[in-house]
Amino acid sequence: MTTVREVLIAARAKIAQPWRRCRGAMARDSLGNEVDPRSDSAASFSAEGSVFAITGVDPEGSGFEGAEPTLAALHALDEQVGGGRIGKREDGMSHAEILSLFDRAIAARGAA
């Protein structure tokens, strides 16, 4: 992934089906246990977790070196939330609302 738009499109696809989205964690395995979003066992993702899963950036890393597309994609989603961070607000949002956030963020980045 090289552009913010590509990251957003791929992250949205990861949670396009309702059962692929989780709440209360960045990612969960098929048993509902919290896992790292980059883990092969991750079966569902939060919006924020889907971005980390796509870019492979460590969400617990210090400074996010080399993570410009990740940070820019998260910022693009934050802009669509209308204040605050997506990671803090998404648990109270429906699946349709999350997909709409992605759609607006993607549209704001223009056509491919």
PDB file of N, CA and C in Angstrom:
ATOM      1  N   MET A   1       0.828  -1.172   0.000  1.00  0.00           N
ATOM      2  CA  MET A   1       0.000   0.000   0.000  1.00  0.00           C
ATOM      3  C   MET A   1       0.881   1.247   0.000  1.00  0.00           C
ATOM      4  N   THR A   2       0.614   2.109  -0.906  1.00  0.00           N
ATOM      5  CA  THR A   2       1.436   3.306  -0.957  1.00  0.00           C
ATOM      6  C   THR A   2       0.665   4.590  -0.699  1.00  0.00           C
ATOM      7  N   THR A   3      -0.587   4.653  -1.098  1.00  0.00           N
ATOM      8  CA  THR A   3      -1.335   5.885  -0.886  1.00  0.00           C
ATOM      9  C   THR A   3      -2.350   5.714   0.237  1.00  0.00           C
ATOM     10  N   VAL A   4      -2.737   6.840   0.797  1.00  0.00           N
ATOM     11  CA  VAL A   4      -3.752   6.826   1.842  1.00  0.00           C
ATOM     12  C   VAL A   4      -5.052   6.246   1.298  1.00  0.00           C
ATOM     13  N   ARG A   5      -5.401   6.627   0.100  1.00  0.00           N
ATOM     14  CA  ARG A   5      -6.635   6.132  -0.521  1.00  0.00           C
ATOM     15  C   ARG A   5      -6.606   4.603  -0.641  1.00  0.00           C
ATOM     16  N   GLU A   6      -5.486   4.045  -1.069  1.00  0.00           N
ATOM     17  CA  GLU A   6      -5.356   2.581  -1.188  1.00  0.00           C
ATOM     18  C   GLU A   6      -5.491   1.904   0.169  1.00  0.00           C
ATOM     19  N   VAL A   7      -4.897   2.498   1.196  1.00  0.00           N
ATOM     20  CA  VAL A   7      -5.011   1.941   2.549  1.00  0.00           C
ATOM     21  C   VAL A   7      -6.467   1.960   2.994  1.00  0.00           C
ATOM     22  N   LEU A   8      -7.144   3.076   2.784  1.00  0.00           N
ATOM     23  CA  LEU A   8      -8.549   3.192   3.185  1.00  0.00           C
ATOM     24  C   LEU A   8      -9.442   2.184   2.457  1.00  0.00           C
ATOM     25  N   ILE A   9      -9.228   2.025   1.162  1.00  0.00           N
ATOM     26  CA  ILE A   9     -10.025   1.067   0.380  1.00  0.00           C
ATOM     27  C   ILE A   9      -9.813  -0.358   0.895  1.00  0.00           C
ATOM     28  N   ALA A  10      -8.573  -0.726   1.125  1.00  0.00           N
ATOM     29  CA  ALA A  10      -8.273  -2.085   1.592  1.00  0.00           C
ATOM     30  C   ALA A  10      -8.773  -2.314   3.018  1.00  0.00           C
ATOM     31  N   ALA A  11      -8.644  -1.304   3.874  1.00  0.00           N
ATOM     32  CA  ALA A  11      -9.109  -1.433   5.258  1.00  0.00           C
ATOM     33  C   ALA A  11     -10.631  -1.552   5.297  1.00  0.00           C
ATOM     34  N   ARG A  12     -11.319  -0.784   4.455  1.00  0.00           N
ATOM     35  CA  ARG A  12     -12.784  -0.872   4.382  1.00  0.00           C
ATOM     36  C   ARG A  12     -13.207  -2.270   3.931  1.00  0.00           C
ATOM     37  N   ALA A  13     -12.512  -2.801   2.940  1.00  0.00           N
ATOM     38  CA  ALA A  13     -12.841  -4.138   2.431  1.00  0.00           C
ATOM     39  C   ALA A  13     -12.696  -5.193   3.532  1.00  0.00           C
ATOM     40  N   LYS A  14     -11.744  -4.995   4.427  1.00  0.00           N
ATOM     41  CA  LYS A  14     -11.509  -5.947   5.504  1.00  0.00           C
ATOM     42  C   LYS A  14     -12.701  -6.050   6.448  1.00  0.00           C
ATOM     43  N   ILE A  15     -13.469  -4.968   6.595  1.00  0.00           N
ATOM     44  CA  ILE A  15     -14.605  -4.984   7.511  1.00  0.00           C
ATOM     45  C   ILE A  15     -15.938  -4.776   6.780  1.00  0.00           C
ATOM     46  N   ALA A  16     -15.956  -5.000   5.482  1.00  0.00           N
ATOM     47  CA  ALA A  16     -17.162  -4.764   4.681  1.00  0.00           C
ATOM     48  C   ALA A  16     -18.338  -5.637   5.129  1.00  0.00           C
ATOM     49  N   GLN A  17     -18.062  -6.834   5.574  1.00  0.00           N
ATOM     50  CA  GLN A  17     -19.113  -7.720   6.071  1.00  0.00           C
ATOM     51  C   GLN A  17     -19.283  -7.482   7.570  1.00  0.00           C
ATOM     52  N   PRO A  18     -20.512  -7.408   8.063  1.00  0.00           N
ATOM     53  CA  PRO A  18     -20.727  -7.096   9.486  1.00  0.00           C
ATOM     54  C   PRO A  18     -19.980  -8.016  10.453  1.00  0.00           C
ATOM     55  N   TRP A  19     -19.865  -9.290  10.137  1.00  0.00           N
ATOM     56  CA  TRP A  19     -19.186 -10.232  11.030  1.00  0.00           C
ATOM     57  C   TRP A  19     -17.668 -10.045  11.036  1.00  0.00           C
ATOM     58  N   ARG A  20     -17.149  -9.217  10.146  1.00  0.00           N
ATOM     59  CA  ARG A  20     -15.705  -8.929  10.115  1.00  0.00           C
ATOM     60  C   ARG A  20     -15.356  -7.711  10.964  1.00  0.00           C
ATOM     61  N   ARG A  21     -16.359  -7.089  11.578  1.00  0.00           N
ATOM     62  CA  ARG A  21     -16.108  -5.927  12.428  1.00  0.00           C
ATOM     63  C   ARG A  21     -16.262  -6.333  13.886  1.00  0.00           C
ATOM     64  N   CYS A  22     -15.359  -5.861  14.723  1.00  0.00           N
ATOM     65  CA  CYS A  22     -15.471  -6.115  16.154  1.00  0.00           C
ATOM     66  C   CYS A  22     -15.510  -4.789  16.912  1.00  0.00           C
ATOM     67  N   ARG A  23     -15.874  -4.884  18.155  1.00  0.00           N
ATOM     68  CA  ARG A  23     -15.918  -3.726  19.047  1.00  0.00           C
ATOM     69  C   ARG A  23     -15.090  -4.026  20.292  1.00  0.00           C
ATOM     70  N   GLY A  24     -14.587  -2.972  20.910  1.00  0.00           N
ATOM     71  CA  GLY A  24     -13.877  -3.134  22.172  1.00  0.00           C
ATOM     72  C   GLY A  24     -12.451  -3.633  22.051  1.00  0.00           C
ATOM     73  N   ALA A  25     -11.974  -3.812  20.851  1.00  0.00           N
ATOM     74  CA  ALA A  25     -10.603  -4.248  20.602  1.00  0.00           C
ATOM     75  C   ALA A  25     -10.255  -3.908  19.160  1.00  0.00           C
ATOM     76  N   MET A  26      -8.972  -3.823  18.864  1.00  0.00           N
ATOM     77  CA  MET A  26      -8.583  -3.573  17.470  1.00  0.00           C
ATOM     78  C   MET A  26      -8.844  -4.783  16.598  1.00  0.00           C
ATOM     79  N   ALA A  27      -8.744  -5.974  17.196  1.00  0.00           N
ATOM     80  CA  ALA A  27      -9.005  -7.208  16.439  1.00  0.00           C
ATOM     81  C   ALA A  27      -9.344  -8.328  17.408  1.00  0.00           C
ATOM     82  N   ARG A  28     -10.079  -9.297  16.896  1.00  0.00           N
ATOM     83  CA  ARG A  28     -10.436 -10.484  17.678  1.00  0.00           C
ATOM     84  C   ARG A  28     -10.274 -11.724  16.800  1.00  0.00           C
ATOM     85  N   ASP A  29      -9.955 -12.843  17.445  1.00  0.00           N
ATOM     86  CA  ASP A  29      -9.869 -14.100  16.701  1.00  0.00           C
ATOM     87  C   ASP A  29     -11.262 -14.699  16.578  1.00  0.00           C
ATOM     88  N   SER A  30     -11.358 -15.881  15.985  1.00  0.00           N
ATOM     89  CA  SER A  30     -12.665 -16.499  15.728  1.00  0.00           C
ATOM     90  C   SER A  30     -13.398 -16.891  17.011  1.00  0.00           C
ATOM     91  N   LEU A  31     -12.683 -16.924  18.131  1.00  0.00           N
ATOM     92  CA  LEU A  31     -13.302 -17.238  19.416  1.00  0.00           C
ATOM     93  C   LEU A  31     -13.677 -15.976  20.188  1.00  0.00           C
ATOM     94  N   GLY A  32     -13.369 -14.820  19.635  1.00  0.00           N
ATOM     95  CA  GLY A  32     -13.699 -13.562  20.292  1.00  0.00           C
ATOM     96  C   GLY A  32     -12.612 -13.011  21.192  1.00  0.00           C
ATOM     97  N   ASN A  33     -11.453 -13.672  21.197  1.00  0.00           N
ATOM     98  CA  ASN A  33     -10.337 -13.200  22.011  1.00  0.00           C
ATOM     99  C   ASN A  33      -9.642 -12.027  21.336  1.00  0.00           C
ATOM    100  N   GLU A  34      -9.207 -11.063  22.122  1.00  0.00           N
ATOM    101  CA  GLU A  34      -8.481  -9.917  21.587  1.00  0.00           C
ATOM    102  C   GLU A  34      -7.117 -10.362  21.070  1.00  0.00           C
ATOM    103  N   VAL A  35      -6.782  -9.948  19.852  1.00  0.00           N
ATOM    104  CA  VAL A  35      -5.485 -10.270  19.243  1.00  0.00           C
ATOM    105  C   VAL A  35      -4.936  -9.025  18.559  1.00  0.00           C
ATOM    106  N   ASP A  36      -3.676  -9.083  18.236  1.00  0.00           N
ATOM    107  CA  ASP A  36      -3.037  -8.013  17.474  1.00  0.00           C
ATOM    108  C   ASP A  36      -3.676  -7.977  16.086  1.00  0.00           C
ATOM    109  N   PRO A  37      -3.996  -6.786  15.566  1.00  0.00           N
ATOM    110  CA  PRO A  37      -4.638  -6.738  14.242  1.00  0.00           C
ATOM    111  C   PRO A  37      -3.766  -7.281  13.112  1.00  0.00           C
ATOM    112  N   ARG A  38      -2.471  -7.412  13.358  1.00  0.00           N
ATOM    113  CA  ARG A  38      -1.571  -7.952  12.331  1.00  0.00           C
ATOM    114  C   ARG A  38      -1.467  -9.468  12.398  1.00  0.00           C
ATOM    115  N   SER A  39      -2.102 -10.077  13.387  1.00  0.00           N
ATOM    116  CA  SER A  39      -2.024 -11.518  13.595  1.00  0.00           C
ATOM    117  C   SER A  39      -2.776 -12.293  12.520  1.00  0.00           C
ATOM    118  N   ASP A  40      -2.210 -13.442  12.145  1.00  0.00           N
ATOM    119  CA  ASP A  40      -2.899 -14.327  11.196  1.00  0.00           C
ATOM    120  C   ASP A  40      -4.206 -14.866  11.773  1.00  0.00           C
ATOM    121  N   SER A  41      -4.320 -14.874  13.103  1.00  0.00           N
ATOM    122  CA  SER A  41      -5.542 -15.402  13.726  1.00  0.00           C
ATOM    123  C   SER A  41      -6.651 -14.348  13.833  1.00  0.00           C
ATOM    124  N   ALA A  42      -6.368 -13.108  13.488  1.00  0.00           N
ATOM    125  CA  ALA A  42      -7.392 -12.065  13.552  1.00  0.00           C
ATOM    126  C   ALA A  42      -8.503 -12.372  12.544  1.00  0.00           C
ATOM    127  N   ALA A  43      -9.733 -12.392  13.035  1.00  0.00           N
ATOM    128  CA  ALA A  43     -10.883 -12.716  12.189  1.00  0.00           C
ATOM    129  C   ALA A  43     -11.827 -11.533  12.025  1.00  0.00           C
ATOM    130  N   SER A  44     -11.772 -10.601  12.970  1.00  0.00           N
ATOM    131  CA  SER A  44     -12.601  -9.398  12.888  1.00  0.00           C
ATOM    132  C   SER A  44     -11.789  -8.214  13.389  1.00  0.00           C
ATOM    133  N   PHE A  45     -12.183  -7.035  12.940  1.00  0.00           N
ATOM    134  CA  PHE A  45     -11.375  -5.841  13.177  1.00  0.00           C
ATOM    135  C   PHE A  45     -12.248  -4.646  13.491  1.00  0.00           C
ATOM    136  N   SER A  46     -11.712  -3.733  14.275  1.00  0.00           N
ATOM    137  CA  SER A  46     -12.325  -2.414  14.397  1.00  0.00           C
ATOM    138  C   SER A  46     -11.899  -1.624  13.164  1.00  0.00           C
ATOM    139  N   ALA A  47     -12.487  -0.460  12.961  1.00  0.00           N
ATOM    140  CA  ALA A  47     -12.061   0.377  11.835  1.00  0.00           C
ATOM    141  C   ALA A  47     -10.578   0.713  11.969  1.00  0.00           C
ATOM    142  N   GLU A  48     -10.184   1.120  13.165  1.00  0.00           N
ATOM    143  CA  GLU A  48      -8.781   1.451  13.422  1.00  0.00           C
ATOM    144  C   GLU A  48      -7.894   0.222  13.220  1.00  0.00           C
ATOM    145  N   GLY A  49      -8.326  -0.911  13.748  1.00  0.00           N
ATOM    146  CA  GLY A  49      -7.554  -2.140  13.622  1.00  0.00           C
ATOM    147  C   GLY A  49      -7.396  -2.587  12.185  1.00  0.00           C
ATOM    148  N   SER A  50      -8.422  -2.339  11.354  1.00  0.00           N
ATOM    149  CA  SER A  50      -8.316  -2.737   9.946  1.00  0.00           C
ATOM    150  C   SER A  50      -7.216  -1.958   9.236  1.00  0.00           C
ATOM    151  N   VAL A  51      -7.022  -0.703   9.617  1.00  0.00           N
ATOM    152  CA  VAL A  51      -5.936   0.089   9.021  1.00  0.00           C
ATOM    153  C   VAL A  51      -4.581  -0.496   9.409  1.00  0.00           C
ATOM    154  N   PHE A  52      -4.399  -0.816  10.687  1.00  0.00           N
ATOM    155  CA  PHE A  52      -3.131  -1.417  11.129  1.00  0.00           C
ATOM    156  C   PHE A  52      -2.910  -2.785  10.484  1.00  0.00           C
ATOM    157  N   ALA A  53      -3.986  -3.559  10.313  1.00  0.00           N
ATOM    158  CA  ALA A  53      -3.863  -4.868   9.671  1.00  0.00           C
ATOM    159  C   ALA A  53      -3.359  -4.733   8.239  1.00  0.00           C
ATOM    160  N   ILE A  54      -3.865  -3.735   7.521  1.00  0.00           N
ATOM    161  CA  ILE A  54      -3.475  -3.544   6.126  1.00  0.00           C
ATOM    162  C   ILE A  54      -2.042  -3.056   6.004  1.00  0.00           C
ATOM    163  N   THR A  55      -1.661  -2.106   6.843  1.00  0.00           N
ATOM    164  CA  THR A  55      -0.320  -1.515   6.706  1.00  0.00           C
ATOM    165  C   THR A  55       0.768  -2.318   7.409  1.00  0.00           C
ATOM    166  N   GLY A  56       0.365  -3.154   8.364  1.00  0.00           N
ATOM    167  CA  GLY A  56       1.351  -3.953   9.083  1.00  0.00           C
ATOM    168  C   GLY A  56       2.133  -3.175  10.124  1.00  0.00           C
ATOM    169  N   VAL A  57       1.688  -1.978  10.434  1.00  0.00           N
ATOM    170  CA  VAL A  57       2.356  -1.154  11.440  1.00  0.00           C
ATOM    171  C   VAL A  57       1.934  -1.621  12.825  1.00  0.00           C
ATOM    172  N   ASP A  58       2.872  -1.664  13.749  1.00  0.00           N
ATOM    173  CA  ASP A  58       2.609  -2.074  15.126  1.00  0.00           C
ATOM    174  C   ASP A  58       1.815  -0.978  15.839  1.00  0.00           C
ATOM    175  N   PRO A  59       0.575  -1.256  16.247  1.00  0.00           N
ATOM    176  CA  PRO A  59      -0.224  -0.225  16.908  1.00  0.00           C
ATOM    177  C   PRO A  59       0.337   0.190  18.262  1.00  0.00           C
ATOM    178  N   GLU A  60       1.210  -0.624  18.829  1.00  0.00           N
ATOM    179  CA  GLU A  60       1.824  -0.303  20.111  1.00  0.00           C
ATOM    180  C   GLU A  60       3.239   0.251  19.936  1.00  0.00           C
ATOM    181  N   GLY A  61       3.665   0.437  18.689  1.00  0.00           N
ATOM    182  CA  GLY A  61       5.015   0.911  18.403  1.00  0.00           C
ATOM    183  C   GLY A  61       5.218   2.340  18.858  1.00  0.00           C
ATOM    184  N   SER A  62       6.449   2.663  19.125  1.00  0.00           N
ATOM    185  CA  SER A  62       6.745   4.030  19.563  1.00  0.00           C
ATOM    186  C   SER A  62       7.086   4.879  18.350  1.00  0.00           C
ATOM    187  N   GLY A  63       6.374   5.970  18.177  1.00  0.00           N
ATOM    188  CA  GLY A  63       6.666   6.916  17.123  1.00  0.00           C
ATOM    189  C   GLY A  63       6.147   6.558  15.748  1.00  0.00           C
ATOM    190  N   PHE A  64       5.746   5.321  15.522  1.00  0.00           N
ATOM    191  CA  PHE A  64       5.228   4.892  14.222  1.00  0.00           C
ATOM    192  C   PHE A  64       6.169   5.251  13.078  1.00  0.00           C
ATOM    193  N   GLU A  65       7.464   5.002  13.252  1.00  0.00           N
ATOM    194  CA  GLU A  65       8.427   5.307  12.183  1.00  0.00           C
ATOM    195  C   GLU A  65       8.033   4.626  10.883  1.00  0.00           C
ATOM    196  N   GLY A  66       8.064   5.385   9.799  1.00  0.00           N
ATOM    197  CA  GLY A  66       7.732   4.857   8.486  1.00  0.00           C
ATOM    198  C   GLY A  66       6.251   4.575   8.302  1.00  0.00           C
ATOM    199  N   ALA A  67       5.430   5.149   9.168  1.00  0.00           N
ATOM    200  CA  ALA A  67       4.009   4.827   9.155  1.00  0.00           C
ATOM    201  C   ALA A  67       3.143   5.947   8.598  1.00  0.00           C
ATOM    202  N   GLU A  68       3.693   6.757   7.715  1.00  0.00           N
ATOM    203  CA  GLU A  68       2.933   7.899   7.209  1.00  0.00           C
ATOM    204  C   GLU A  68       1.583   7.507   6.607  1.00  0.00           C
ATOM    205  N   PRO A  69       1.501   6.474   5.747  1.00  0.00           N
ATOM    206  CA  PRO A  69       0.176   6.111   5.211  1.00  0.00           C
ATOM    207  C   PRO A  69      -0.804   5.679   6.309  1.00  0.00           C
ATOM    208  N   THR A  70      -0.303   5.001   7.334  1.00  0.00           N
ATOM    209  CA  THR A  70      -1.156   4.566   8.441  1.00  0.00           C
ATOM    210  C   THR A  70      -1.719   5.771   9.178  1.00  0.00           C
ATOM    211  N   LEU A  71      -0.830   6.670   9.569  1.00  0.00           N
ATOM    212  CA  LEU A  71      -1.266   7.845  10.316  1.00  0.00           C
ATOM    213  C   LEU A  71      -2.190   8.723   9.486  1.00  0.00           C
ATOM    214  N   ALA A  72      -1.880   8.866   8.210  1.00  0.00           N
ATOM    215  CA  ALA A  72      -2.720   9.685   7.331  1.00  0.00           C
ATOM    216  C   ALA A  72      -4.095   9.051   7.147  1.00  0.00           C
ATOM    217  N   ALA A  73      -4.164   7.719   7.039  1.00  0.00           N
ATOM    218  CA  ALA A  73      -5.454   7.036   6.903  1.00  0.00           C
ATOM    219  C   ALA A  73      -6.279   7.194   8.180  1.00  0.00           C
ATOM    220  N   LEU A  74      -5.644   7.052   9.333  1.00  0.00           N
ATOM    221  CA  LEU A  74      -6.355   7.238  10.600  1.00  0.00           C
ATOM    222  C   LEU A  74      -6.840   8.678  10.726  1.00  0.00           C
ATOM    223  N   HIS A  75      -6.016   9.625  10.323  1.00  0.00           N
ATOM    224  CA  HIS A  75      -6.407  11.036  10.361  1.00  0.00           C
ATOM    225  C   HIS A  75      -7.596  11.284   9.419  1.00  0.00           C
ATOM    226  N   ALA A  76      -7.590  10.650   8.258  1.00  0.00           N
ATOM    227  CA  ALA A  76      -8.696  10.805   7.305  1.00  0.00           C
ATOM    228  C   ALA A  76     -10.007  10.316   7.919  1.00  0.00           C
ATOM    229  N   LEU A  77      -9.949   9.220   8.670  1.00  0.00           N
ATOM    230  CA  LEU A  77     -11.150   8.717   9.352  1.00  0.00           C
ATOM    231  C   LEU A  77     -11.544   9.647  10.496  1.00  0.00           C
ATOM    232  N   ASP A  78     -10.540  10.137  11.241  1.00  0.00           N
ATOM    233  CA  ASP A  78     -10.813  11.080  12.325  1.00  0.00           C
ATOM    234  C   ASP A  78     -11.571  12.299  11.801  1.00  0.00           C
ATOM    235  N   GLU A  79     -11.172  12.794  10.634  1.00  0.00           N
ATOM    236  CA  GLU A  79     -11.832  13.964  10.037  1.00  0.00           C
ATOM    237  C   GLU A  79     -13.316  13.697   9.799  1.00  0.00           C
ATOM    238  N   GLN A  80     -13.650  12.469   9.443  1.00  0.00           N
ATOM    239  CA  GLN A  80     -15.036  12.124   9.129  1.00  0.00           C
ATOM    240  C   GLN A  80     -15.888  11.876  10.370  1.00  0.00           C
ATOM    241  N   VAL A  81     -15.243  11.633  11.499  1.00  0.00           N
ATOM    242  CA  VAL A  81     -15.964  11.407  12.752  1.00  0.00           C
ATOM    243  C   VAL A  81     -16.554  12.724  13.257  1.00  0.00           C
ATOM    244  N   GLY A  82     -15.947  13.830  12.882  1.00  0.00           N
ATOM    245  CA  GLY A  82     -16.441  15.132  13.308  1.00  0.00           C
ATOM    246  C   GLY A  82     -15.879  15.567  14.650  1.00  0.00           C
ATOM    247  N   GLY A  83     -14.700  15.142  14.930  1.00  0.00           N
ATOM    248  CA  GLY A  83     -14.047  15.518  16.182  1.00  0.00           C
ATOM    249  C   GLY A  83     -13.657  14.292  16.970  1.00  0.00           C
ATOM    250  N   GLY A  84     -12.466  14.273  17.424  1.00  0.00           N
ATOM    251  CA  GLY A  84     -11.982  13.130  18.189  1.00  0.00           C
ATOM    252  C   GLY A  84     -11.346  12.080  17.296  1.00  0.00           C
ATOM    253  N   ARG A  85     -10.964  11.003  17.926  1.00  0.00           N
ATOM    254  CA  ARG A  85     -10.297   9.915  17.206  1.00  0.00           C
ATOM    255  C   ARG A  85     -11.284   8.802  16.899  1.00  0.00           C
ATOM    256  N   ILE A  86     -11.136   8.227  15.735  1.00  0.00           N
ATOM    257  CA  ILE A  86     -11.992   7.105  15.333  1.00  0.00           C
ATOM    258  C   ILE A  86     -11.907   5.973  16.361  1.00  0.00           C
ATOM    259  N   GLY A  87     -10.716   5.701  16.855  1.00  0.00           N
ATOM    260  CA  GLY A  87     -10.535   4.612  17.815  1.00  0.00           C
ATOM    261  C   GLY A  87     -11.291   4.801  19.115  1.00  0.00           C
ATOM    262  N   LYS A  88     -11.579   6.040  19.463  1.00  0.00           N
ATOM    263  CA  LYS A  88     -12.311   6.333  20.701  1.00  0.00           C
ATOM    264  C   LYS A  88     -13.826   6.384  20.487  1.00  0.00           C
ATOM    265  N   ARG A  89     -14.263   6.567  19.261  1.00  0.00           N
ATOM    266  CA  ARG A  89     -15.689   6.789  18.996  1.00  0.00           C
ATOM    267  C   ARG A  89     -16.385   5.630  18.279  1.00  0.00           C
ATOM    268  N   GLU A  90     -15.626   4.759  17.632  1.00  0.00           N
ATOM    269  CA  GLU A  90     -16.259   3.790  16.740  1.00  0.00           C
ATOM    270  C   GLU A  90     -17.092   2.726  17.433  1.00  0.00           C
ATOM    271  N   ASP A  91     -16.817   2.403  18.684  1.00  0.00           N
ATOM    272  CA  ASP A  91     -17.603   1.356  19.356  1.00  0.00           C
ATOM    273  C   ASP A  91     -19.074   1.734  19.483  1.00  0.00           C
ATOM    274  N   GLY A  92     -19.374   3.026  19.509  1.00  0.00           N
ATOM    275  CA  GLY A  92     -20.754   3.473  19.609  1.00  0.00           C
ATOM    276  C   GLY A  92     -21.433   3.671  18.263  1.00  0.00           C
ATOM    277  N   MET A  93     -20.770   3.264  17.199  1.00  0.00           N
ATOM    278  CA  MET A  93     -21.296   3.461  15.847  1.00  0.00           C
ATOM    279  C   MET A  93     -21.725   2.135  15.234  1.00  0.00           C
ATOM    280  N   SER A  94     -22.717   2.208  14.373  1.00  0.00           N
ATOM    281  CA  SER A  94     -23.171   0.999  13.678  1.00  0.00           C
ATOM    282  C   SER A  94     -22.185   0.627  12.566  1.00  0.00           C
ATOM    283  N   HIS A  95     -22.337  -0.582  12.065  1.00  0.00           N
ATOM    284  CA  HIS A  95     -21.506  -1.043  10.960  1.00  0.00           C
ATOM    285  C   HIS A  95     -21.695  -0.131   9.741  1.00  0.00           C
ATOM    286  N   ALA A  96     -22.946   0.207   9.447  1.00  0.00           N
ATOM    287  CA  ALA A  96     -23.233   1.091   8.308  1.00  0.00           C
ATOM    288  C   ALA A  96     -22.576   2.459   8.483  1.00  0.00           C
ATOM    289  N   GLU A  97     -22.582   2.980   9.695  1.00  0.00           N
ATOM    290  CA  GLU A  97     -21.939   4.277   9.955  1.00  0.00           C
ATOM    291  C   GLU A  97     -20.436   4.205   9.737  1.00  0.00           C
ATOM    292  N   ILE A  98     -19.831   3.109  10.147  1.00  0.00           N
ATOM    293  CA  ILE A  98     -18.379   2.928   9.952  1.00  0.00           C
ATOM    294  C   ILE A  98     -18.061   2.868   8.466  1.00  0.00           C
ATOM    295  N   LEU A  99     -18.824   2.088   7.712  1.00  0.00           N
ATOM    296  CA  LEU A  99     -18.576   2.003   6.274  1.00  0.00           C
ATOM    297  C   LEU A  99     -18.773   3.358   5.605  1.00  0.00           C
ATOM    298  N   SER A 100     -19.741   4.116   6.067  1.00  0.00           N
ATOM    299  CA  SER A 100     -19.972   5.453   5.531  1.00  0.00           C
ATOM    300  C   SER A 100     -18.784   6.371   5.809  1.00  0.00           C
ATOM    301  N   LEU A 101     -18.192   6.252   6.985  1.00  0.00           N
ATOM    302  CA  LEU A 101     -16.982   7.030   7.302  1.00  0.00           C
ATOM    303  C   LEU A 101     -15.881   6.714   6.300  1.00  0.00           C
ATOM    304  N   PHE A 102     -15.675   5.427   6.064  1.00  0.00           N
ATOM    305  CA  PHE A 102     -14.658   5.021   5.093  1.00  0.00           C
ATOM    306  C   PHE A 102     -14.985   5.583   3.714  1.00  0.00           C
ATOM    307  N   ASP A 103     -16.240   5.463   3.301  1.00  0.00           N
ATOM    308  CA  ASP A 103     -16.633   5.948   1.972  1.00  0.00           C
ATOM    309  C   ASP A 103     -16.359   7.439   1.824  1.00  0.00           C
ATOM    310  N   ARG A 104     -16.699   8.218   2.854  1.00  0.00           N
ATOM    311  CA  ARG A 104     -16.450   9.661   2.792  1.00  0.00           C
ATOM    312  C   ARG A 104     -14.960   9.978   2.788  1.00  0.00           C
ATOM    313  N   ALA A 105     -14.191   9.248   3.593  1.00  0.00           N
ATOM    314  CA  ALA A 105     -12.742   9.472   3.624  1.00  0.00           C
ATOM    315  C   ALA A 105     -12.104   9.123   2.286  1.00  0.00           C
ATOM    316  N   ILE A 106     -12.560   8.045   1.663  1.00  0.00           N
ATOM    317  CA  ILE A 106     -12.054   7.629   0.353  1.00  0.00           C
ATOM    318  C   ILE A 106     -12.430   8.677  -0.697  1.00  0.00           C
ATOM    319  N   ALA A 107     -13.677   9.113  -0.675  1.00  0.00           N
ATOM    320  CA  ALA A 107     -14.127  10.127  -1.647  1.00  0.00           C
ATOM    321  C   ALA A 107     -13.345  11.421  -1.494  1.00  0.00           C
ATOM    322  N   ALA A 108     -13.007  11.770  -0.272  1.00  0.00           N
ATOM    323  CA  ALA A 108     -12.247  13.002  -0.030  1.00  0.00           C
ATOM    324  C   ALA A 108     -10.833  12.915  -0.582  1.00  0.00           C
ATOM    325  N   ARG A 109     -10.369  11.692  -0.847  1.00  0.00           N
ATOM    326  CA  ARG A 109      -9.020  11.500  -1.388  1.00  0.00           C
ATOM    327  C   ARG A 109      -9.025  11.436  -2.920  1.00  0.00           C
ATOM    328  N   GLY A 110     -10.178  11.620  -3.545  1.00  0.00           N
ATOM    329  CA  GLY A 110     -10.256  11.660  -5.005  1.00  0.00           C
ATOM    330  C   GLY A 110     -10.281  10.299  -5.653  1.00  0.00           C
ATOM    331  N   ALA A 111     -10.379  10.298  -6.967  1.00  0.00           N
ATOM    332  CA  ALA A 111     -10.429   9.055  -7.752  1.00  0.00           C
ATOM    333  C   ALA A 111      -9.042   8.462  -7.918  1.00  0.00           C
ATOM    334  N   ALA A 112      -9.031   7.167  -8.157  1.00  0.00           N
ATOM    335  CA  ALA A 112      -7.762   6.453  -8.324  1.00  0.00           C
ATOM    336  C   ALA A 112      -7.093   6.818  -9.623  1.00  0.00           C
TER     337      ALA A 112
END
